[in-house]
C-alpha atoms as a PDB file:
ATOM      1  CA  UNK A   1       0.000   0.000   0.000  1.00  0.00           C
ATOM      2  CA  UNK A   2       1.511   3.289  -1.078  1.00  0.00           C
ATOM      3  CA  UNK A   3       0.470   5.301   1.968  1.00  0.00           C
ATOM      4  CA  UNK A   4       2.801   3.255   4.185  1.00  0.00           C
ATOM      5  CA  UNK A   5       5.860   4.200   2.119  1.00  0.00           C
ATOM      6  CA  UNK A   6       8.639   5.661   4.242  1.00  0.00           C
ATOM      7  CA  UNK A   7      12.385   6.225   4.229  1.00  0.00           C
ATOM      8  CA  UNK A   8      14.234   2.902   4.166  1.00  0.00           C
ATOM      9  CA  UNK A   9      11.503   0.920   2.408  1.00  0.00           C
ATOM     10  CA  UNK A  10      12.518  -1.338  -0.457  1.00  0.00           C
ATOM     11  CA  UNK A  11      10.365  -0.743  -3.518  1.00  0.00           C
ATOM     12  CA  UNK A  12       9.800  -2.357  -6.896  1.00  0.00           C
ATOM     13  CA  UNK A  13       9.170  -0.735 -10.276  1.00  0.00           C
ATOM     14  CA  UNK A  14       6.828  -3.103 -12.139  1.00  0.00           C
ATOM     15  CA  UNK A  15       6.656  -1.580 -15.631  1.00  0.00           C
ATOM     16  CA  UNK A  16       7.111  -4.620 -17.957  1.00  0.00           C
ATOM     17  CA  UNK A  17      10.564  -4.577 -19.537  1.00  0.00           C
ATOM     18  CA  UNK A  18      11.809  -1.886 -17.130  1.00  0.00           C
ATOM     19  CA  UNK A  19      11.539  -3.697 -13.772  1.00  0.00           C
ATOM     20  CA  UNK A  20      13.869  -2.490 -11.020  1.00  0.00           C
ATOM     21  CA  UNK A  21      14.308  -2.551  -7.258  1.00  0.00           C
ATOM     22  CA  UNK A  22      15.121   0.516  -5.204  1.00  0.00           C
ATOM     23  CA  UNK A  23      15.195   2.069  -1.777  1.00  0.00           C
ATOM     24  CA  UNK A  24      13.355   5.139  -0.517  1.00  0.00           C
ATOM     25  CA  UNK A  25      16.049   7.626   0.552  1.00  0.00           C
ATOM     26  CA  UNK A  26      13.940  10.612   1.612  1.00  0.00           C
ATOM     27  CA  UNK A  27      10.607  12.312   1.356  1.00  0.00           C
ATOM     28  CA  UNK A  28      10.564  14.732  -1.574  1.00  0.00           C
ATOM     29  CA  UNK A  29       7.258  16.421  -0.794  1.00  0.00           C
ATOM     30  CA  UNK A  30       3.815  15.343   0.427  1.00  0.00           C
ATOM     31  CA  UNK A  31       3.120  13.147  -2.608  1.00  0.00           C
ATOM     32  CA  UNK A  32       6.575  12.018  -3.736  1.00  0.00           C
ATOM     33  CA  UNK A  33       9.522  10.062  -2.363  1.00  0.00           C
ATOM     34  CA  UNK A  34      13.115  10.162  -3.618  1.00  0.00           C
ATOM     35  CA  UNK A  35      14.003   6.632  -4.754  1.00  0.00           C
ATOM     36  CA  UNK A  36      17.442   5.253  -5.574  1.00  0.00           C
ATOM     37  CA  UNK A  37      17.207   2.494  -8.192  1.00  0.00           C
ATOM     38  CA  UNK A  38      19.763  -0.339  -8.024  1.00  0.00           C
ATOM     39  CA  UNK A  39      19.648  -1.589 -11.632  1.00  0.00           C
ATOM     40  CA  UNK A  40      19.366   1.823 -13.320  1.00  0.00           C
ATOM     41  CA  UNK A  41      20.618   4.441 -10.843  1.00  0.00           C
ATOM     42  CA  UNK A  42      20.344   7.105 -13.547  1.00  0.00           C
ATOM     43  CA  UNK A  43      16.547   6.842 -13.110  1.00  0.00           C
ATOM     44  CA  UNK A  44      16.785   7.712  -9.394  1.00  0.00           C
ATOM     45  CA  UNK A  45      14.788  10.721  -8.284  1.00  0.00           C
ATOM     46  CA  UNK A  46      11.374  11.755  -6.985  1.00  0.00           C
ATOM     47  CA  UNK A  47       8.460   9.409  -7.745  1.00  0.00           C
ATOM     48  CA  UNK A  48       4.778   9.764  -6.970  1.00  0.00           C
ATOM     49  CA  UNK A  49       3.899   7.400  -4.128  1.00  0.00           C
ATOM     50  CA  UNK A  50       0.645   6.498  -5.912  1.00  0.00           C
ATOM     51  CA  UNK A  51       2.301   5.601  -9.251  1.00  0.00           C
ATOM     52  CA  UNK A  52       0.731   2.490 -10.788  1.00  0.00           C
ATOM     53  CA  UNK A  53       4.146   0.825 -11.348  1.00  0.00           C
ATOM     54  CA  UNK A  54       5.518   1.488  -7.846  1.00  0.00           C
ATOM     55  CA  UNK A  55       5.019  -0.937  -4.962  1.00  0.00           C
ATOM     56  CA  UNK A  56       6.555  -1.458  -1.525  1.00  0.00           C
ATOM     57  CA  UNK A  57       8.185  -4.880  -1.190  1.00  0.00           C
ATOM     58  CA  UNK A  58       9.761  -4.549   2.263  1.00  0.00           C
ATOM     59  CA  UNK A  59       8.795  -1.940   4.837  1.00  0.00           C
ATOM     60  CA  UNK A  60      11.382  -0.331   7.100  1.00  0.00           C
ATOM     61  CA  UNK A  61      10.266  -0.851  10.691  1.00  0.00           C
ATOM     62  CA  UNK A  62      12.878   1.453  12.250  1.00  0.00           C
ATOM     63  CA  UNK A  63      11.615   4.443  14.173  1.00  0.00           C
ATOM     64  CA  UNK A  64      13.382   7.776  13.616  1.00  0.00           C
ATOM     65  CA  UNK A  65      15.243   7.368  16.932  1.00  0.00           C
ATOM     66  CA  UNK A  66      16.572   3.874  16.173  1.00  0.00           C
ATOM     67  CA  UNK A  67      19.999   3.466  14.586  1.00  0.00           C
ATOM     68  CA  UNK A  68      20.383   1.291  11.516  1.00  0.00           C
ATOM     69  CA  UNK A  69      23.524  -0.855  11.837  1.00  0.00           C
END
């Protein structure tokens, strides 16, 4: 579900022929998140959280006060 997307989540781009996996690095604004793509890093940037080809595959369960080791 897109509304649970937060920094640290792993995401998948599902557009056929252009599939990729990325990580949410930061909030861009109220409706977009900055995503770093692993396969095609040149496509990294802000993406609409409601985009039809974007889905969360692994949610980050860290709170802002927890350190990621």
